[in-house]
C-alpha atoms as a PDB file:
ATOM      1  CA  MET A   1       0.000   0.000   0.000  1.00  0.00           C
ATOM      2  CA  PHE A   2       2.830   2.370   0.901  1.00  0.00           C
ATOM      3  CA  GLN A   3       4.514   1.712  -2.451  1.00  0.00           C
ATOM      4  CA  ARG A   4       1.316   2.606  -4.310  1.00  0.00           C
ATOM      5  CA  ILE A   5       1.036   5.910  -2.444  1.00  0.00           C
ATOM      6  CA  ILE A   6       4.661   6.751  -3.236  1.00  0.00           C
ATOM      7  CA  PHE A   7       4.106   5.779  -6.873  1.00  0.00           C
ATOM      8  CA  LEU A   8       0.988   7.967  -7.149  1.00  0.00           C
ATOM      9  CA  LEU A   9       2.716  10.926  -5.499  1.00  0.00           C
ATOM     10  CA  THR A  10       5.634  10.566  -7.884  1.00  0.00           C
ATOM     11  CA  ILE A  11       3.299  10.492 -10.878  1.00  0.00           C
ATOM     12  CA  ILE A  12       1.414  13.563  -9.618  1.00  0.00           C
ATOM     13  CA  ILE A  13       4.654  15.479  -9.126  1.00  0.00           C
ATOM     14  CA  PHE A  14       5.967  14.717 -12.609  1.00  0.00           C
ATOM     15  CA  ILE A  15       2.655  15.261 -14.396  1.00  0.00           C
ATOM     16  CA  GLY A  16       1.760  18.424 -12.470  1.00  0.00           C
ATOM     17  CA  CYS A  17       0.579  21.611 -14.093  1.00  0.00           C
ATOM     18  CA  ASP A  18       3.024  23.258 -16.444  1.00  0.00           C
ATOM     19  CA  LYS A  19       1.981  26.638 -17.768  1.00  0.00           C
ATOM     20  CA  GLU A  20       4.418  29.054 -19.319  1.00  0.00           C
ATOM     21  CA  ILE A  21       3.714  32.733 -18.752  1.00  0.00           C
ATOM     22  CA  GLN A  22       5.212  35.775 -20.401  1.00  0.00           C
ATOM     23  CA  LEU A  23       5.963  38.719 -18.152  1.00  0.00           C
ATOM     24  CA  PRO A  24       5.845  42.200 -19.688  1.00  0.00           C
ATOM     25  CA  LEU A  25       9.512  43.017 -19.102  1.00  0.00           C
ATOM     26  CA  ASP A  26      11.534  45.480 -21.134  1.00  0.00           C
ATOM     27  CA  PRO A  27      14.875  43.754 -21.833  1.00  0.00           C
ATOM     28  CA  ASN A  28      16.516  47.110 -22.577  1.00  0.00           C
ATOM     29  CA  ALA A  29      15.447  48.750 -19.303  1.00  0.00           C
ATOM     30  CA  SER A  30      18.349  49.349 -16.961  1.00  0.00           C
ATOM     31  CA  LEU A  31      17.217  49.924 -13.372  1.00  0.00           C
ATOM     32  CA  LEU A  32      19.179  51.043 -10.328  1.00  0.00           C
ATOM     33  CA  VAL A  33      19.828  48.196  -7.879  1.00  0.00           C
ATOM     34  CA  ILE A  34      20.623  49.096  -4.255  1.00  0.00           C
ATOM     35  CA  ASP A  35      22.075  46.300  -2.140  1.00  0.00           C
ATOM     36  CA  GLY A  36      23.250  46.935   1.392  1.00  0.00           C
ATOM     37  CA  SER A  37      22.869  46.418   5.081  1.00  0.00           C
ATOM     38  CA  ILE A  38      22.173  49.236   7.517  1.00  0.00           C
ATOM     39  CA  THR A  39      21.489  48.482  11.159  1.00  0.00           C
ATOM     40  CA  ASP A  40      20.869  50.450  14.344  1.00  0.00           C
ATOM     41  CA  GLU A  41      24.460  49.800  15.438  1.00  0.00           C
ATOM     42  CA  PRO A  42      27.439  52.057  14.669  1.00  0.00           C
ATOM     43  CA  GLY A  43      28.873  51.727  11.145  1.00  0.00           C
ATOM     44  CA  PRO A  44      30.641  51.354   8.842  1.00  0.00           C
ATOM     45  CA  TYR A  45      27.809  50.443   6.514  1.00  0.00           C
ATOM     46  CA  PHE A  46      28.272  48.962   3.075  1.00  0.00           C
ATOM     47  CA  VAL A  47      25.956  49.758   0.195  1.00  0.00           C
ATOM     48  CA  LYS A  48      26.507  48.519  -3.362  1.00  0.00           C
ATOM     49  CA  LEU A  49      24.955  50.372  -6.290  1.00  0.00           C
ATOM     50  CA  SER A  50      24.675  48.697  -9.661  1.00  0.00           C
ATOM     51  CA  LYS A  51      22.554  48.623 -12.798  1.00  0.00           C
ATOM     52  CA  SER A  52      20.300  45.742 -13.768  1.00  0.00           C
ATOM     53  CA  ILE A  53      21.031  43.771 -16.930  1.00  0.00           C
ATOM     54  CA  ASP A  54      19.208  41.213 -19.031  1.00  0.00           C
ATOM     55  CA  ILE A  55      19.300  37.681 -17.585  1.00  0.00           C
ATOM     56  CA  GLY A  56      21.191  36.241 -20.545  1.00  0.00           C
ATOM     57  CA  ASN A  57      23.806  39.023 -20.591  1.00  0.00           C
ATOM     58  CA  THR A  58      27.163  38.025 -19.099  1.00  0.00           C
ATOM     59  CA  ASN A  59      29.219  41.045 -20.179  1.00  0.00           C
ATOM     60  CA  GLY A  60      31.117  42.416 -17.178  1.00  0.00           C
ATOM     61  CA  ASN A  61      29.672  44.088 -14.116  1.00  0.00           C
ATOM     62  CA  LEU A  62      27.586  47.205 -14.003  1.00  0.00           C
ATOM     63  CA  PHE A  63      28.689  48.572 -10.631  1.00  0.00           C
ATOM     64  CA  LEU A  64      28.395  52.317 -10.263  1.00  0.00           C
ATOM     65  CA  VAL A  65      31.587  54.031  -9.087  1.00  0.00           C
ATOM     66  CA  GLY A  66      32.462  57.612  -8.234  1.00  0.00           C
ATOM     67  CA  GLY A  67      29.022  58.456  -6.910  1.00  0.00           C
ATOM     68  CA  PHE A  68      27.934  59.992  -3.634  1.00  0.00           C
ATOM     69  CA  LEU A  69      25.556  58.246  -1.265  1.00  0.00           C
ATOM     70  CA  SER A  70      24.097  59.975   1.776  1.00  0.00           C
ATOM     71  CA  ILE A  71      22.547  57.928   4.579  1.00  0.00           C
ATOM     72  CA  ILE A  72      20.390  60.046   6.873  1.00  0.00           C
ATOM     73  CA  PHE A  73      19.144  58.753  10.186  1.00  0.00           C
ATOM     74  CA  ALA A  74      16.047  60.172  11.853  1.00  0.00           C
ATOM     75  CA  LEU A  75      15.800  60.028  15.603  1.00  0.00           C
ATOM     76  CA  VAL A  76      12.308  58.889  16.487  1.00  0.00           C
ATOM     77  CA  LYS A  77      10.962  58.619  19.998  1.00  0.00           C
ATOM     78  CA  SER A  78       8.687  55.644  20.401  1.00  0.00           C
ATOM     79  CA  ARG A  79       6.407  54.860  23.285  1.00  0.00           C
ATOM     80  CA  SER A  80       5.541  51.368  24.201  1.00  0.00           C
ATOM     81  CA  ARG A  81       2.024  50.501  25.366  1.00  0.00           C
ATOM     82  CA  TYR A  82       3.410  47.673  27.437  1.00  0.00           C
ATOM     83  CA  ARG A  83       5.489  48.563  30.462  1.00  0.00           C
END
C-alpha cells in the first residue's frame, strides 16, 4: 500500500501543471539596484549600487563608481504601550 502511495505521489509530481507565462519586461530597461545592510548599530555600513542587466547578458559588471551616497538617520521617539 505504501509503495502505491509513493508511486501515485511521484506520478502527480511529474505530471503536475506546467503553464508558461510571459511577463511584460523590457529587456533594454536598466534599473538602479541598491544592495546593502544598515542596522541600528554604529557603522561602517556597506551599500553597493549597480545597474540591472538582461538575464542572458554576461558582459562584465555594471557597478556604479564615483558616486555619492548619503545615509540620513532620523531620531524617532517611540512609546511602548506595554510597560
